[in-house]
Amino acid sequence: MNSAEPVPSHLKGSNLKVGERYLHRNGLFIREIEAIEGDRVFWRDDLSSGQCGKQVFLRLCPSVAPEPVK
């Protein structure tokens, strides 16, 4: 990942919320934030879980996931 890639302007680190679901930029994953501690975001998806900094999370998951169709 190139650290020079811009962070989307519509979401900022302060917009991230525990329990919210975010769409991965490849469109294949929806990651849910389990916890935020300082600059660290702890997330999970259907295949794995992990942690990263807020800016990295925003580069990888730049938008809120759409609500599932009922």
C-alpha atoms as a PDB file:
ATOM      1  CA  MET A   1       0.000   0.000   0.000  1.00  0.00           C
ATOM      2  CA  ASN A   2       1.383   3.344  -0.987  1.00  0.00           C
ATOM      3  CA  SER A   3       1.140   5.741   1.956  1.00  0.00           C
ATOM      4  CA  ALA A   4       0.882   8.657  -0.503  1.00  0.00           C
ATOM      5  CA  GLU A   5      -2.572   7.534  -1.674  1.00  0.00           C
ATOM      6  CA  PRO A   6      -5.185  10.117  -0.746  1.00  0.00           C
ATOM      7  CA  VAL A   7      -7.720   9.419   1.949  1.00  0.00           C
ATOM      8  CA  PRO A   8     -11.289   9.915   0.684  1.00  0.00           C
ATOM      9  CA  SER A   9     -12.567  13.328   1.667  1.00  0.00           C
ATOM     10  CA  HIS A  10     -16.092  12.166   2.563  1.00  0.00           C
ATOM     11  CA  LEU A  11     -14.953  10.100   5.564  1.00  0.00           C
ATOM     12  CA  LYS A  12     -12.446  11.084   8.210  1.00  0.00           C
ATOM     13  CA  GLY A  13     -10.982   9.149  11.117  1.00  0.00           C
ATOM     14  CA  SER A  14     -13.348  10.958  13.452  1.00  0.00           C
ATOM     15  CA  ASN A  15     -16.323   9.628  11.415  1.00  0.00           C
ATOM     16  CA  LEU A  16     -15.482   5.975  12.082  1.00  0.00           C
ATOM     17  CA  LYS A  17     -17.916   4.298  14.474  1.00  0.00           C
ATOM     18  CA  VAL A  18     -17.845   1.051  16.412  1.00  0.00           C
ATOM     19  CA  GLY A  19     -20.472  -1.327  15.015  1.00  0.00           C
ATOM     20  CA  GLU A  20     -20.613   0.450  11.651  1.00  0.00           C
ATOM     21  CA  ARG A  21     -19.961  -1.532   8.455  1.00  0.00           C
ATOM     22  CA  TYR A  22     -17.627  -0.246   5.738  1.00  0.00           C
ATOM     23  CA  LEU A  23     -17.206  -1.446   2.163  1.00  0.00           C
ATOM     24  CA  HIS A  24     -13.691  -2.500   1.143  1.00  0.00           C
ATOM     25  CA  ARG A  25     -12.505  -0.665  -1.958  1.00  0.00           C
ATOM     26  CA  ASN A  26     -12.372  -3.904  -3.974  1.00  0.00           C
ATOM     27  CA  GLY A  27     -16.115  -4.323  -3.339  1.00  0.00           C
ATOM     28  CA  LEU A  28     -15.689  -7.894  -2.069  1.00  0.00           C
ATOM     29  CA  PHE A  29     -15.577  -7.336   1.684  1.00  0.00           C
ATOM     30  CA  ILE A  30     -17.649  -5.540   4.243  1.00  0.00           C
ATOM     31  CA  ARG A  31     -15.696  -4.875   7.400  1.00  0.00           C
ATOM     32  CA  GLU A  32     -17.327  -4.088  10.701  1.00  0.00           C
ATOM     33  CA  ILE A  33     -15.476  -2.077  13.317  1.00  0.00           C
ATOM     34  CA  GLU A  34     -15.384  -3.922  16.634  1.00  0.00           C
ATOM     35  CA  ALA A  35     -13.390  -1.344  18.611  1.00  0.00           C
ATOM     36  CA  ILE A  36     -11.422   1.864  18.255  1.00  0.00           C
ATOM     37  CA  GLU A  37      -8.599   2.568  20.664  1.00  0.00           C
ATOM     38  CA  GLY A  38      -6.788   5.810  19.985  1.00  0.00           C
ATOM     39  CA  ASP A  39      -5.627   5.584  16.362  1.00  0.00           C
ATOM     40  CA  ARG A  40      -6.152   1.785  16.144  1.00  0.00           C
ATOM     41  CA  VAL A  41      -9.204   0.278  14.453  1.00  0.00           C
ATOM     42  CA  PHE A  42     -10.081  -3.333  15.267  1.00  0.00           C
ATOM     43  CA  TRP A  43     -12.257  -4.860  12.554  1.00  0.00           C
ATOM     44  CA  ARG A  44     -13.710  -8.139  11.329  1.00  0.00           C
ATOM     45  CA  ASP A  45     -15.222  -9.429   8.107  1.00  0.00           C
ATOM     46  CA  ASP A  46     -16.566 -12.809   6.962  1.00  0.00           C
ATOM     47  CA  LEU A  47     -13.079 -14.260   6.507  1.00  0.00           C
ATOM     48  CA  SER A  48     -10.825 -12.676   9.092  1.00  0.00           C
ATOM     49  CA  SER A  49     -10.220  -9.966  11.642  1.00  0.00           C
ATOM     50  CA  GLY A  50      -7.446  -7.489  12.145  1.00  0.00           C
ATOM     51  CA  GLN A  51      -6.335  -4.078  13.216  1.00  0.00           C
ATOM     52  CA  CYS A  52      -4.764  -1.064  11.581  1.00  0.00           C
ATOM     53  CA  GLY A  53      -4.497   2.695  11.893  1.00  0.00           C
ATOM     54  CA  LYS A  54      -7.495   4.880  11.081  1.00  0.00           C
ATOM     55  CA  GLN A  55      -5.938   6.321   7.916  1.00  0.00           C
ATOM     56  CA  VAL A  56      -5.069   2.856   6.583  1.00  0.00           C
ATOM     57  CA  PHE A  57      -8.608   1.656   7.326  1.00  0.00           C
ATOM     58  CA  LEU A  58     -10.035   4.632   5.429  1.00  0.00           C
ATOM     59  CA  ARG A  59      -7.833   3.940   2.397  1.00  0.00           C
ATOM     60  CA  LEU A  60      -8.959   0.305   2.349  1.00  0.00           C
ATOM     61  CA  CYS A  61     -12.606   0.879   3.286  1.00  0.00           C
ATOM     62  CA  PRO A  62     -13.496   4.351   1.997  1.00  0.00           C
ATOM     63  CA  SER A  63     -17.289   4.228   2.331  1.00  0.00           C
ATOM     64  CA  VAL A  64     -20.069   3.065   4.597  1.00  0.00           C
ATOM     65  CA  ALA A  65     -21.506  -0.246   3.368  1.00  0.00           C
ATOM     66  CA  PRO A  66     -25.028  -0.211   1.996  1.00  0.00           C
ATOM     67  CA  GLU A  67     -27.739  -1.759   4.133  1.00  0.00           C
ATOM     68  CA  PRO A  68     -28.475  -5.394   3.245  1.00  0.00           C
ATOM     69  CA  VAL A  69     -31.612  -5.999   1.181  1.00  0.00           C
ATOM     70  CA  LYS A  70     -34.367  -7.543   3.311  1.00  0.00           C
END
